[in-house]
Protein backbone atom coordinates (compact mmCIF):
# COMPACT_ATOMS: atom_id res chain seq x y z
CA MET A 1 -43.01 -1.18 -0.77
CA GLU A 2 -43.66 -3.88 -3.41
CA SER A 3 -41.81 -7.33 -3.50
CA ILE A 4 -40.11 -9.19 -6.41
CA LYS A 5 -42.53 -12.26 -5.96
CA GLY A 6 -43.00 -13.95 -9.13
CA TRP A 7 -40.09 -11.83 -11.06
CA LYS A 8 -36.63 -13.04 -11.73
CA ARG A 9 -33.88 -10.61 -12.79
CA THR A 10 -33.02 -11.76 -16.37
CA HIS A 11 -30.13 -9.53 -17.04
CA THR A 12 -27.83 -7.09 -15.50
CA CYS A 13 -27.74 -3.46 -16.31
CA GLY A 14 -24.48 -3.90 -18.17
CA GLU A 15 -24.85 -6.36 -20.61
CA LEU A 16 -27.74 -5.55 -23.03
CA ASN A 17 -26.80 -4.69 -26.51
CA LEU A 18 -28.17 -4.72 -30.36
CA ASP A 19 -28.36 -8.47 -30.02
CA SER A 20 -30.98 -8.05 -27.24
CA VAL A 21 -33.51 -6.11 -29.24
CA GLY A 22 -36.99 -7.65 -29.12
CA LYS A 23 -36.19 -9.65 -25.84
CA ASP A 24 -38.48 -9.28 -23.00
CA VAL A 25 -36.39 -8.60 -19.91
CA ILE A 26 -36.56 -7.97 -16.23
CA LEU A 27 -34.06 -5.48 -14.65
CA MET A 28 -33.56 -4.67 -11.14
CA GLY A 29 -31.22 -1.81 -9.51
CA TRP A 30 -31.23 1.74 -8.33
CA VAL A 31 -32.30 5.00 -10.10
CA HIS A 32 -29.29 6.63 -10.95
CA SER A 33 -31.00 9.57 -12.48
CA ARG A 34 -34.54 10.35 -13.78
CA ARG A 35 -35.59 12.65 -16.46
CA ASP A 36 -39.12 13.81 -16.94
CA LEU A 37 -39.57 15.23 -20.23
CA GLY A 38 -43.62 15.28 -20.13
CA LYS A 39 -44.75 12.64 -22.47
CA LEU A 40 -41.83 10.39 -21.61
CA ILE A 41 -39.88 9.60 -18.65
CA PHE A 42 -36.28 8.46 -18.84
CA VAL A 43 -34.72 6.46 -16.08
CA ASP A 44 -31.12 5.39 -16.11
CA LEU A 45 -31.28 2.12 -14.24
CA ARG A 46 -27.81 1.05 -12.41
CA ASP A 47 -26.55 -1.95 -10.88
CA ARG A 48 -23.17 -3.34 -10.11
CA GLU A 49 -22.52 -4.18 -13.77
CA GLY A 50 -23.52 -0.88 -15.51
CA ILE A 51 -26.49 1.35 -16.45
CA THR A 52 -29.37 0.52 -18.79
CA GLN A 53 -31.82 3.48 -20.12
CA VAL A 54 -35.49 2.70 -19.15
CA VAL A 55 -38.25 4.50 -21.06
CA PHE A 56 -41.59 5.00 -19.48
CA ASP A 57 -44.10 5.83 -22.23
CA PRO A 58 -47.99 6.12 -21.37
CA GLN A 59 -48.85 4.75 -24.66
CA ILE A 60 -46.97 1.35 -23.69
CA SER A 61 -47.84 1.38 -20.03
CA GLN A 62 -50.07 4.07 -18.29
CA SER A 63 -49.63 2.68 -15.09
CA ALA A 64 -45.86 2.32 -15.27
CA TYR A 65 -45.77 5.74 -16.56
CA GLU A 66 -47.74 7.18 -13.62
CA LYS A 67 -45.55 5.10 -11.12
CA ALA A 68 -42.42 6.35 -12.75
CA LYS A 69 -43.34 9.88 -11.71
CA GLN A 70 -42.74 8.92 -8.01
CA LEU A 71 -39.25 7.70 -8.60
CA LYS A 72 -36.27 9.53 -7.24
CA ASP A 73 -32.41 8.94 -7.12
CA GLU A 74 -31.45 5.73 -5.64
CA TYR A 75 -34.99 4.34 -5.40
CA VAL A 76 -34.78 0.49 -5.75
CA ILE A 77 -36.98 -0.81 -8.48
CA ALA A 78 -37.81 -3.73 -10.79
CA VAL A 79 -38.77 -3.06 -14.45
CA LYS A 80 -40.31 -5.62 -16.91
CA GLY A 81 -40.12 -4.43 -20.59
CA LYS A 82 -38.80 -5.12 -24.11
CA VAL A 83 -35.47 -4.14 -25.48
CA ASP A 84 -35.50 -1.64 -28.34
CA ARG A 85 -32.89 0.24 -30.38
CA ARG A 86 -32.44 3.78 -29.51
CA ILE A 87 -33.43 6.42 -32.17
CA LYS A 88 -30.52 7.13 -34.32
CA GLY A 89 -28.39 10.01 -33.15
CA GLN A 90 -29.45 9.43 -29.49
CA GLU A 91 -27.08 6.69 -28.75
CA ASN A 92 -24.61 6.93 -25.82
CA PRO A 93 -21.09 5.79 -26.68
CA LYS A 94 -20.03 6.15 -23.17
CA LEU A 95 -22.11 3.19 -22.15
CA VAL A 96 -21.79 -0.46 -23.12
CA THR A 97 -25.62 -0.46 -23.43
CA GLY A 98 -25.80 2.99 -25.10
CA GLU A 99 -27.27 1.55 -28.43
CA ILE A 100 -30.36 0.20 -26.84
CA GLU A 101 -33.26 1.29 -24.23
CA VAL A 102 -35.74 -0.92 -22.39
CA LYS A 103 -39.68 0.30 -23.32
CA ALA A 104 -41.23 -0.47 -19.72
CA GLU A 105 -44.23 -2.45 -19.60
CA SER A 106 -44.62 -2.80 -15.76
CA LEU A 107 -42.63 -1.25 -12.61
CA ARG A 108 -42.05 -2.30 -9.19
CA ILE A 109 -40.86 0.13 -6.55
CA LEU A 110 -39.03 -2.14 -4.06
CA ASN A 111 -37.68 0.58 -1.82
CA SER A 112 -37.36 4.39 -1.61
CA SER A 113 -34.40 6.26 -0.52
CA GLU A 114 -33.92 9.40 1.65
CA LEU A 115 -32.10 12.49 0.44
CA LEU A 116 -28.49 11.63 0.13
CA PRO A 117 -25.81 13.06 2.50
CA PHE A 118 -23.62 13.53 -0.87
CA GLN A 119 -24.06 12.87 -4.57
CA ILE A 120 -23.22 9.27 -5.71
CA HIS A 121 -22.52 10.31 -9.34
CA GLY A 122 -20.57 13.27 -10.72
CA ALA A 123 -17.87 15.12 -8.60
CA VAL A 124 -16.95 14.05 -4.98
CA ASP A 125 -18.83 16.43 -2.60
CA GLY A 126 -18.46 15.22 0.85
CA SER A 127 -15.56 15.09 3.22
CA GLU A 128 -13.77 11.83 3.85
CA THR A 129 -15.01 11.29 7.32
CA LEU A 130 -18.63 11.78 5.83
CA ARG A 131 -18.07 9.43 2.92
CA LEU A 132 -16.61 6.78 5.60
CA LYS A 133 -19.64 7.14 7.63
CA TYR A 134 -21.94 6.46 4.62
CA ARG A 135 -19.33 4.00 2.92
CA TYR A 136 -22.06 1.86 1.60
CA LEU A 137 -23.16 5.03 -0.39
CA GLU A 138 -20.00 5.81 -1.72
CA MET A 139 -19.33 2.21 -2.67
CA ARG A 140 -22.09 2.47 -5.11
CA ARG A 141 -19.99 4.94 -7.22
CA HIS A 142 -18.88 3.29 -10.26
CA GLU A 143 -15.06 4.28 -9.81
CA VAL A 144 -15.21 3.00 -6.32
CA MET A 145 -16.92 -0.42 -7.43
CA GLU A 146 -14.11 -0.92 -9.78
CA VAL A 147 -11.52 -0.74 -7.32
CA PHE A 148 -12.88 -3.55 -5.37
CA ARG A 149 -13.39 -5.60 -8.62
CA LEU A 150 -9.60 -4.93 -8.98
CA ARG A 151 -8.97 -6.21 -5.59
CA HIS A 152 -10.87 -9.39 -6.31
CA ARG A 153 -9.02 -9.98 -9.37
CA ILE A 154 -5.72 -9.49 -7.78
CA ALA A 155 -6.87 -11.97 -4.95
CA SER A 156 -8.19 -14.52 -7.09
CA PHE A 157 -4.87 -14.43 -9.20
CA ILE A 158 -2.68 -14.82 -6.29
CA ARG A 159 -4.62 -17.78 -4.98
CA ASN A 160 -4.57 -19.58 -8.29
CA TYR A 161 -0.94 -18.80 -8.61
CA PHE A 162 0.08 -20.27 -5.29
CA ASP A 163 -2.20 -23.32 -5.59
CA LYS A 164 -0.41 -24.03 -8.96
CA LYS A 165 2.82 -23.73 -7.27
CA GLY A 166 2.04 -26.41 -4.71
CA PHE A 167 1.33 -24.39 -1.69
CA ILE A 168 -1.27 -25.17 0.72
CA GLU A 169 -3.52 -22.53 2.26
CA VAL A 170 -3.76 -22.76 6.00
CA GLU A 171 -5.88 -20.54 8.42
CA THR A 172 -3.81 -19.50 11.64
CA PRO A 173 -5.50 -18.29 14.64
CA PHE A 174 -6.79 -14.81 15.38
CA LEU A 175 -6.75 -15.22 19.25
CA THR A 176 -3.26 -16.10 20.13
CA LYS A 177 -0.48 -15.22 22.71
CA SER A 178 0.88 -11.60 22.86
CA THR A 179 4.49 -11.83 21.47
CA PRO A 180 6.72 -8.80 20.86
CA GLU A 181 6.84 -8.09 17.18
CA GLY A 182 7.70 -4.36 16.97
CA ALA A 183 4.19 -2.70 17.37
CA ARG A 184 1.70 -2.84 20.04
CA ASP A 185 -0.78 -5.67 20.24
CA TYR A 186 -4.69 -5.40 20.34
CA LEU A 187 -5.66 -7.42 23.54
CA VAL A 188 -8.75 -9.27 23.92
CA PRO A 189 -9.82 -10.22 27.43
CA SER A 190 -10.60 -13.77 28.29
CA ARG A 191 -14.00 -14.20 29.96
CA VAL A 192 -13.06 -17.86 31.03
CA HIS A 193 -9.69 -17.06 32.28
CA LYS A 194 -10.04 -13.72 33.99
CA GLY A 195 -7.03 -11.46 34.27
CA LYS A 196 -5.60 -13.12 31.15
CA PHE A 197 -5.55 -11.84 27.43
CA TYR A 198 -5.53 -13.04 23.90
CA ALA A 199 -3.78 -11.04 21.36
CA LEU A 200 -4.82 -10.34 18.00
CA PRO A 201 -1.93 -11.16 15.52
CA GLN A 202 0.52 -8.59 14.20
CA SER A 203 1.40 -11.29 11.73
CA PRO A 204 1.17 -15.05 11.68
CA GLN A 205 4.96 -15.11 11.90
CA LEU A 206 5.56 -17.89 14.35
CA PHE A 207 2.49 -20.13 13.17
CA LYS A 208 3.92 -20.19 9.50
CA GLN A 209 7.42 -21.12 10.94
CA ILE A 210 5.71 -23.77 12.91
CA LEU A 211 4.01 -25.10 9.90
CA MET A 212 7.42 -25.67 8.25
CA ILE A 213 8.46 -27.55 11.40
CA ALA A 214 5.03 -29.45 10.84
CA GLY A 215 6.26 -30.57 7.36
CA PHE A 216 3.76 -28.61 5.27
CA ASP A 217 6.88 -27.42 2.99
CA ARG A 218 4.87 -24.81 1.16
CA TYR A 219 2.27 -22.62 2.96
CA TYR A 220 0.38 -19.54 2.02
CA GLN A 221 -2.56 -17.33 3.28
CA ILE A 222 -4.23 -13.91 2.39
CA VAL A 223 -4.79 -13.13 6.18
CA ARG A 224 -5.92 -10.06 8.20
CA CYS A 225 -3.28 -8.38 10.53
CA PHE A 226 -3.64 -6.20 13.47
CA ARG A 227 -1.40 -3.65 14.78
CA ASP A 228 -2.15 -0.94 17.50
CA GLU A 229 -0.05 1.89 16.21
CA ASP A 230 -0.18 5.54 15.09
CA LEU A 231 -1.76 5.66 11.68
CA ARG A 232 -1.16 7.66 8.53
CA ALA A 233 -2.42 7.26 4.86
CA ASP A 234 -0.58 3.78 4.24
CA ARG A 235 -1.52 2.45 7.58
CA GLN A 236 -4.59 0.73 9.26
CA PRO A 237 -5.03 -0.87 12.53
CA GLU A 238 -6.40 -4.11 10.60
CA PHE A 239 -4.75 -4.94 7.16
CA THR A 240 -4.38 -7.61 4.85
CA GLN A 241 -1.42 -9.37 3.63
CA VAL A 242 -0.26 -12.38 1.46
CA ASP A 243 1.66 -14.58 3.76
CA VAL A 244 4.05 -17.08 2.33
CA GLU A 245 6.59 -19.73 3.85
CA MET A 246 8.80 -22.34 2.26
CA SER A 247 11.10 -25.05 3.44
CA PHE A 248 14.42 -25.97 2.26
CA VAL A 249 14.89 -22.58 0.52
CA ASP A 250 17.32 -19.82 0.58
CA GLU A 251 16.71 -16.13 -0.34
CA GLU A 252 16.88 -16.49 -4.17
CA ASP A 253 14.15 -19.28 -3.96
CA VAL A 254 11.48 -17.14 -2.17
CA MET A 255 12.53 -14.09 -4.24
CA ALA A 256 12.06 -16.15 -7.51
CA VAL A 257 8.59 -17.13 -6.26
CA PHE A 258 7.33 -13.70 -5.83
CA GLU A 259 8.92 -12.20 -8.88
CA GLU A 260 7.20 -14.68 -11.01
CA MET A 261 3.96 -13.97 -9.32
CA ILE A 262 4.37 -10.12 -9.64
CA LYS A 263 5.46 -10.51 -13.42
CA ARG A 264 2.51 -12.62 -14.28
CA LEU A 265 0.00 -10.59 -12.09
CA PHE A 266 0.81 -7.15 -13.77
CA ASP A 267 0.79 -8.79 -17.21
CA GLU A 268 -2.81 -10.29 -16.60
CA VAL A 269 -4.49 -7.69 -14.64
CA LEU A 270 -2.86 -4.41 -16.02
CA GLY A 271 -1.13 -5.64 -19.18
CA TYR A 272 2.00 -4.07 -17.99
CA SER A 273 5.47 -5.90 -18.59
CA VAL A 274 7.55 -6.02 -15.69
CA SER A 275 11.27 -5.81 -16.10
CA TYR A 276 12.67 -9.25 -15.20
CA PRO A 277 14.52 -10.27 -13.32
CA ILE A 278 13.76 -7.45 -10.76
CA GLN A 279 16.94 -5.44 -9.87
CA ARG A 280 18.53 -6.26 -6.60
CA LEU A 281 20.23 -3.76 -4.49
CA ASP A 282 22.16 -3.95 -1.12
CA TYR A 283 20.74 -2.07 1.76
CA LYS A 284 23.80 -0.13 2.18
CA ASP A 285 23.88 0.95 -1.65
CA ALA A 286 20.29 1.79 -1.39
CA ILE A 287 20.94 4.12 1.27
CA GLU A 288 23.94 5.66 -0.39
CA LEU A 289 22.44 6.11 -3.73
CA PHE A 290 18.91 6.92 -2.83
CA GLY A 291 18.98 7.90 0.87
CA THR A 292 16.31 5.42 1.76
CA ASP A 293 15.84 1.51 1.73
CA LYS A 294 12.57 2.28 -0.07
CA PRO A 295 13.98 3.77 -3.24
CA ASP A 296 11.59 5.15 -6.02
CA THR A 297 13.55 3.91 -9.02
CA ARG A 298 11.37 5.40 -11.87
CA PHE A 299 13.80 8.22 -12.39
CA GLY A 300 17.62 8.86 -11.74
CA MET A 301 18.97 11.76 -9.85
CA GLN A 302 20.97 9.68 -7.56
CA LEU A 303 22.81 10.89 -4.61
CA ARG A 304 26.66 11.40 -5.34
CA ASP A 305 29.50 11.69 -2.81
CA ILE A 306 31.50 14.81 -3.82
CA THR A 307 33.32 15.22 -0.67
CA GLU A 308 36.82 14.21 -2.24
CA LEU A 309 36.06 16.81 -4.81
CA VAL A 310 35.47 19.69 -2.44
CA LYS A 311 37.97 18.79 0.34
CA ASP A 312 40.25 21.58 -0.69
CA SER A 313 37.43 24.24 -1.01
CA GLU A 314 37.71 27.32 1.13
CA LEU A 315 34.15 27.32 2.15
CA ARG A 316 34.17 27.10 5.87
CA VAL A 317 30.84 25.05 5.95
CA PHE A 318 32.37 22.33 3.87
CA GLN A 319 35.50 22.14 6.09
CA ASP A 320 33.64 21.84 9.30
CA VAL A 321 31.66 19.08 7.97
CA ILE A 322 34.65 17.05 6.73
CA ASN A 323 36.65 17.66 9.92
CA ALA A 324 33.58 16.41 11.83
CA GLY A 325 33.53 13.32 9.79
CA GLY A 326 30.52 14.23 7.89
CA VAL A 327 29.93 14.04 3.89
CA ILE A 328 28.96 16.59 1.07
CA LYS A 329 26.60 14.72 -1.36
CA ALA A 330 24.84 16.27 -4.56
CA ILE A 331 21.95 15.33 -6.90
CA ASN A 332 21.88 16.70 -10.40
CA VAL A 333 18.49 17.96 -11.78
CA LYS A 334 18.33 17.79 -15.44
CA GLU A 335 17.08 20.79 -17.36
CA ALA A 336 15.77 22.53 -14.35
CA GLU A 337 14.86 26.16 -14.14
CA PHE A 338 14.53 26.94 -10.46
CA SER A 339 13.62 30.40 -9.25
CA ARG A 340 15.33 31.87 -6.10
CA LYS A 341 11.88 31.37 -3.98
CA ARG A 342 11.75 27.67 -5.16
CA LEU A 343 15.47 27.22 -4.06
CA ASP A 344 14.73 28.63 -0.64
CA GLU A 345 11.62 26.43 -0.53
CA LEU A 346 13.80 23.33 -1.24
CA SER A 347 16.06 24.46 1.40
CA GLU A 348 13.31 24.65 3.99
CA GLU A 349 12.10 21.23 2.91
CA VAL A 350 15.53 19.42 4.07
CA LYS A 351 15.48 21.12 7.44
CA SER A 352 12.62 18.86 8.51
CA TYR A 353 15.18 15.90 8.29
CA GLY A 354 17.74 17.74 10.32
CA ALA A 355 19.93 19.36 7.51
CA LYS A 356 20.89 23.04 7.76
CA GLY A 357 19.91 23.84 4.15
CA ILE A 358 21.00 23.21 0.58
CA ILE A 359 23.67 24.85 -1.59
CA TRP A 360 22.95 25.16 -5.25
CA ALA A 361 24.63 25.78 -8.50
CA LYS A 362 22.95 26.42 -11.64
CA VAL A 363 25.07 25.43 -14.57
CA SER A 364 25.10 27.96 -17.35
CA SER A 365 26.81 28.13 -20.88
CA ASN A 366 30.37 26.87 -21.10
CA ASN A 367 29.55 24.81 -17.92
CA ALA A 368 30.09 27.83 -15.55
CA TRP A 369 28.34 28.10 -12.38
CA GLN A 370 25.87 30.53 -11.10
CA SER A 371 26.01 29.75 -7.40
CA PRO A 372 26.58 31.73 -3.86
CA ILE A 373 29.58 29.42 -3.51
CA LYS A 374 31.46 29.68 -7.00
CA LYS A 375 34.04 31.86 -5.64
CA TYR A 376 35.00 29.23 -2.92
CA LEU A 377 35.66 26.74 -5.54
CA SER A 378 38.47 26.44 -8.23
CA ASP A 379 37.43 26.23 -11.68
CA GLU A 380 39.10 22.65 -11.63
CA SER A 381 36.90 21.56 -8.95
CA LYS A 382 33.74 22.87 -10.31
CA SER A 383 34.55 21.06 -13.77
CA LYS A 384 35.42 17.91 -11.86
CA ILE A 385 31.90 18.13 -10.14
CA ASN A 386 30.24 18.87 -13.44
CA GLN A 387 31.80 15.78 -14.91
CA PHE A 388 31.18 13.48 -12.06
CA LEU A 389 27.42 14.56 -12.02
CA ASP A 390 27.08 14.57 -15.62
CA ALA A 391 25.87 18.23 -15.27
CA LYS A 392 25.23 20.20 -18.40
CA PRO A 393 24.09 23.88 -19.26
CA GLY A 394 20.52 24.17 -17.94
CA ASP A 395 20.92 21.71 -15.04
CA THR A 396 20.81 22.59 -11.34
CA ILE A 397 23.06 20.91 -8.70
CA ILE A 398 21.77 20.62 -5.15
CA ILE A 399 24.27 20.01 -2.53
CA VAL A 400 23.69 18.94 1.21
CA ALA A 401 26.65 18.86 3.79
CA ASP A 402 25.99 17.13 7.03
CA LYS A 403 26.32 13.90 9.07
CA ARG A 404 26.00 11.04 6.71
CA ASP A 405 22.56 10.00 7.94
CA VAL A 406 21.17 13.33 7.67
CA VAL A 407 22.74 13.98 4.18
CA ASN A 408 21.19 10.72 2.95
CA SER A 409 17.70 11.09 4.42
CA SER A 410 17.26 14.82 3.54
CA LEU A 411 18.59 14.49 0.02
CA GLY A 412 16.93 11.45 -0.62
CA MET A 413 13.53 12.97 0.44
CA LEU A 414 14.54 16.09 -1.83
CA ARG A 415 15.08 13.88 -4.91
CA VAL A 416 11.61 12.53 -4.72
CA SER A 417 9.95 16.18 -3.78
CA ILE A 418 11.71 17.63 -6.82
CA ALA A 419 10.86 14.66 -9.18
CA LYS A 420 7.14 15.11 -8.32
CA SER A 421 6.93 18.85 -8.72
CA LEU A 422 8.65 18.72 -11.98
CA GLY A 423 6.38 15.98 -13.26
CA ILE A 424 9.62 13.67 -14.00
CA ILE A 425 7.77 10.50 -12.76
CA LYS A 426 5.79 8.93 -15.48
CA GLU A 427 2.23 7.68 -14.83
CA ASN A 428 1.20 4.02 -14.95
CA ASP A 429 4.88 3.31 -14.85
CA TYR A 430 5.93 0.71 -12.40
CA SER A 431 9.49 -0.09 -11.17
CA PHE A 432 10.44 -2.78 -8.64
CA VAL A 433 13.63 -3.33 -6.77
CA TRP A 434 14.81 -5.86 -4.25
CA ILE A 435 16.59 -4.35 -1.18
CA ASN A 436 18.60 -7.14 0.43
CA ARG A 437 21.51 -7.43 2.94
CA PHE A 438 19.99 -5.52 5.52
CA PRO A 439 21.66 -5.06 8.95
CA LEU A 440 20.52 -7.73 11.38
CA PHE A 441 20.33 -5.51 14.29
CA GLN A 442 19.78 -1.49 14.99
CA TYR A 443 20.52 0.52 17.92
CA ASN A 444 17.65 2.07 19.85
CA GLU A 445 18.85 5.50 20.88
CA GLN A 446 16.09 6.08 23.15
CA GLU A 447 16.31 2.65 24.93
CA HIS A 448 20.15 2.36 24.50
CA ARG A 449 19.95 -1.06 23.45
CA LEU A 450 20.25 -3.35 20.32
CA GLU A 451 16.89 -4.35 18.68
CA PRO A 452 16.21 -6.55 15.46
CA MET A 453 15.86 -4.33 12.29
CA HIS A 454 13.00 -6.78 11.02
CA HIS A 455 12.03 -9.48 13.68
CA PRO A 456 14.04 -11.52 16.19
CA PHE A 457 13.71 -14.76 14.00
CA THR A 458 15.62 -13.44 10.90
CA SER A 459 18.86 -15.43 10.28
CA PRO A 460 21.95 -13.64 9.87
CA LEU A 461 24.37 -14.43 6.86
CA ASP A 462 26.42 -17.49 7.29
CA GLU A 463 29.63 -15.53 7.12
CA ASP A 464 28.52 -13.00 9.54
CA ILE A 465 27.44 -15.41 12.42
CA GLU A 466 30.77 -15.26 14.15
CA LEU A 467 30.18 -11.47 14.46
CA VAL A 468 27.04 -11.85 16.19
CA GLU A 469 28.43 -11.32 19.75
CA LYS A 470 31.73 -9.41 18.71
CA GLU A 471 30.29 -6.62 16.40
CA PRO A 472 26.56 -7.10 16.08
CA LEU A 473 26.04 -3.75 14.18
CA LYS A 474 28.12 -5.27 11.25
CA VAL A 475 26.03 -8.46 10.96
CA ARG A 476 23.99 -8.72 7.82
CA ALA A 477 20.70 -10.43 7.71
CA LYS A 478 19.13 -12.86 5.05
CA ALA A 479 16.38 -10.41 4.67
CA TYR A 480 14.84 -8.77 1.64
CA ASP A 481 12.28 -6.19 1.04
CA LEU A 482 10.28 -5.68 -2.30
CA VAL A 483 9.90 -1.96 -3.10
CA LEU A 484 7.36 -0.55 -5.72
CA ASN A 485 7.65 3.09 -6.86
CA GLY A 486 9.13 4.08 -3.54
CA GLN A 487 6.98 2.02 -1.16
CA GLU A 488 7.79 -1.14 0.41
CA ILE A 489 5.20 -3.65 -0.65
CA GLY A 490 6.67 -6.68 0.86
CA GLY A 491 9.26 -8.28 2.93
CA GLY A 492 10.60 -11.37 4.34
CA SER A 493 13.78 -13.41 5.50
CA ILE A 494 15.23 -16.75 5.82
CA ARG A 495 14.45 -17.72 9.39
CA ILE A 496 16.58 -18.97 12.18
CA HIS A 497 15.83 -22.87 12.44
CA SER A 498 18.70 -23.55 15.03
CA LEU A 499 17.61 -23.45 18.64
CA GLU A 500 21.08 -22.64 19.56
CA LEU A 501 21.25 -19.59 17.31
CA GLN A 502 17.92 -18.27 18.19
CA LYS A 503 18.86 -18.28 21.96
CA ARG A 504 22.09 -16.26 20.85
CA ILE A 505 19.97 -13.60 19.19
CA PHE A 506 17.70 -13.22 21.91
CA LYS A 507 20.35 -12.67 24.44
CA ILE A 508 21.91 -9.93 22.01
CA ILE A 509 18.66 -8.06 22.04
CA GLY A 510 18.45 -8.46 25.81
CA ILE A 511 15.78 -11.16 26.04
CA SER A 512 16.49 -13.28 28.87
CA GLU A 513 16.02 -16.95 29.03
CA GLU A 514 13.30 -16.62 31.44
CA GLU A 515 11.46 -14.02 29.30
CA ALA A 516 12.20 -15.93 26.02
CA GLN A 517 10.58 -19.06 27.71
CA LYS A 518 7.37 -16.91 28.90
CA LYS A 519 6.82 -15.16 25.63
CA PHE A 520 8.08 -17.79 22.90
CA GLY A 521 8.28 -20.99 24.86
CA PHE A 522 5.89 -22.77 22.59
CA PHE A 523 7.97 -21.99 19.48
CA LEU A 524 11.29 -22.84 21.18
CA GLU A 525 9.98 -26.09 22.03
CA ALA A 526 9.09 -26.70 18.25
CA LEU A 527 12.61 -25.77 17.44
CA ARG A 528 13.78 -28.86 19.33
CA TYR A 529 11.84 -31.22 17.03
CA GLY A 530 13.82 -31.01 13.64
CA ALA A 531 13.07 -27.72 12.31
CA PRO A 532 14.01 -27.54 8.46
CA PRO A 533 15.81 -24.64 6.91
CA HIS A 534 12.78 -22.21 5.87
CA GLY A 535 11.98 -18.86 4.84
CA GLY A 536 9.16 -16.61 3.54
CA MET A 537 7.69 -13.39 2.91
CA ALA A 538 4.84 -11.14 3.51
CA LEU A 539 3.23 -8.77 0.74
CA GLY A 540 1.24 -5.94 1.70
CA PHE A 541 -1.95 -6.58 -0.08
CA ASP A 542 -3.69 -3.39 0.49
CA ARG A 543 -0.72 -1.37 -0.52
CA LEU A 544 -0.23 -3.46 -3.74
CA VAL A 545 -3.90 -2.89 -4.60
CA ALA A 546 -3.50 0.93 -4.08
CA ILE A 547 -0.66 1.03 -6.44
CA MET A 548 -1.96 -0.94 -9.05
CA ALA A 549 -5.46 1.00 -8.92
CA GLY A 550 -3.55 4.38 -8.95
CA LYS A 551 -4.66 5.39 -5.26
CA GLU A 552 -2.72 7.41 -2.96
CA SER A 553 -4.14 5.87 0.28
CA ILE A 554 -4.77 2.28 1.30
CA ARG A 555 -8.10 3.44 2.69
CA GLU A 556 -9.34 3.75 -0.45
CA VAL A 557 -9.13 0.14 -1.44
CA ILE A 558 -10.20 -1.22 2.05
CA PRO A 559 -13.99 -1.81 2.09
CA PHE A 560 -14.60 -0.51 5.50
CA PRO A 561 -11.47 1.45 6.63
CA LYS A 562 -10.69 3.40 9.79
CA THR A 563 -9.76 6.93 9.91
CA THR A 564 -6.13 8.14 10.83
CA SER A 565 -7.40 8.29 14.55
CA ALA A 566 -8.48 4.58 14.28
CA ILE A 567 -11.97 5.50 14.47
CA CYS A 568 -14.89 3.72 12.34
CA PRO A 569 -17.26 6.42 11.35
CA LEU A 570 -19.67 3.79 9.92
CA THR A 571 -20.10 1.96 13.02
CA GLY A 572 -18.78 4.35 15.74
CA ALA A 573 -16.23 2.02 16.76
CA PRO A 574 -14.40 1.92 19.21
CA SER A 575 -17.26 2.35 21.56
CA GLU A 576 -18.05 1.93 25.24
CA VAL A 577 -19.69 -1.55 26.52
CA ASP A 578 -22.07 -2.26 29.05
CA GLU A 579 -21.01 -2.56 32.68
CA GLU A 580 -22.22 -6.09 32.56
CA GLN A 581 -19.95 -7.27 29.79
CA LEU A 582 -17.08 -5.69 31.86
CA ARG A 583 -17.96 -7.47 34.94
CA GLU A 584 -17.93 -10.85 33.12
CA LEU A 585 -14.52 -10.11 32.04
CA GLY A 586 -13.33 -8.97 35.31
CA ILE A 587 -12.70 -5.58 34.15
CA SER A 588 -13.69 -2.40 35.96
CA LYS A 589 -14.38 0.86 33.93
CA SER A 590 -12.57 2.87 36.58
CA ASN A 591 -9.33 1.16 35.35
């Protein structure tokens, strides 16, 4: 292979144009494609910035022409030549450089390439696992490279935004103490202190609170976090979040900072105008109207409670549900012509959420119903339901009757499924909503105990503090989530800054004083020394980038992601280590 000694790249493969005609240039990159026409050889030369057509003509340089015969896809080469205008009619309007070409005068082959495991340009022809194993090849694809350009632009914007807002970027430790934060920790054994372990942080939660106690006032960090949990498309064992904390603030202050950032980010990067201010929705209302605390608000089809309208129905299933304290809810699917087969499929979908099925009614002319239950409802009841749901001829009403949580979750899932299948959701549309006033606690049915809905450092609403011991499940939190297109992209809260209140919360969730001291002693100690009121938020950076890039999975926007089984196909991690390494750590393989 040849070297680049004496040669310096003058231009990238994406910047030459008609203004460059006549210039002597040196380009370097990969052979994107090669076409041998006998008397001429054409090579599309690619680098990060684009593609430039290079022509090897024996009348200009016989040696370069002969050497070009050796070239294959993905060879790395350097070309010296002169920029010329393409012959009229042979321009390529798809390329920025499509009006010019470089007439090669000299060629150096810097490296060769073996036959690729999958093609880099054109249709994707490899499995995901294969493409992750050769991730460095997939990242050469223009569309993949563009995702990481976008990621870079978003990160740069965020850093500049917080810098101008007076925030200080502070790096927090990766090797820290294991503390219960909802998921399993990744543990790192200590060689020096055998039998003891560091933990990789699930988030910088306690450190950012300590920074507020230290008087930093405004902190941010784009930080890696680690959680040892079961994976899916939107989860990775290591991920990135935009972490922010502020002193002397309430919920509105924190949300205002992020609202402005989101509005300016989408405008600058995507040219999209976000509705401002962002809609706010109480947790309880979100569940009742959308069946989830992560509602997709790009379309309507809200859940409506029709229990009162059907309470006098002769239908046995309605009466049984009402007598058992359940509810009957409906959604109205506008102008939807569902076949009987499709309605049966929808009925099967809700069963995965514990519902027994759906009841449907097609609204025909004169607002009459075509439905298996029409004879069990009076004309007056059907008319009231039509009016309540704004149902018109051509609409289809979908009804679920069961326990409230089953109805909300199943019908909430169904509204999204139907919207996607009918193409109701507009592409390149972004709908944000804040969800706040979450419950502070939730009941863990498996462990028969209360646990924090977010984390144990979230402050209750001032007016609900007196209920902490009396009626804990009625206590609401100073917590807020930011939801985009049905996906939670961030969440935060105002924190507890009172040592006394923090101890009360620990006691409610079953953490004894001894356990609290063992796990959080350093933090409780810090609370003794003038902790200011403070709060913050963490934004899921990978998920935000994925949505802005139009990708389904965050794996597509992470440079070297893991599979759903937490394996890195590229490196083979996790892998076994030598016995000697284990002995140094005081660990035996047999364990």
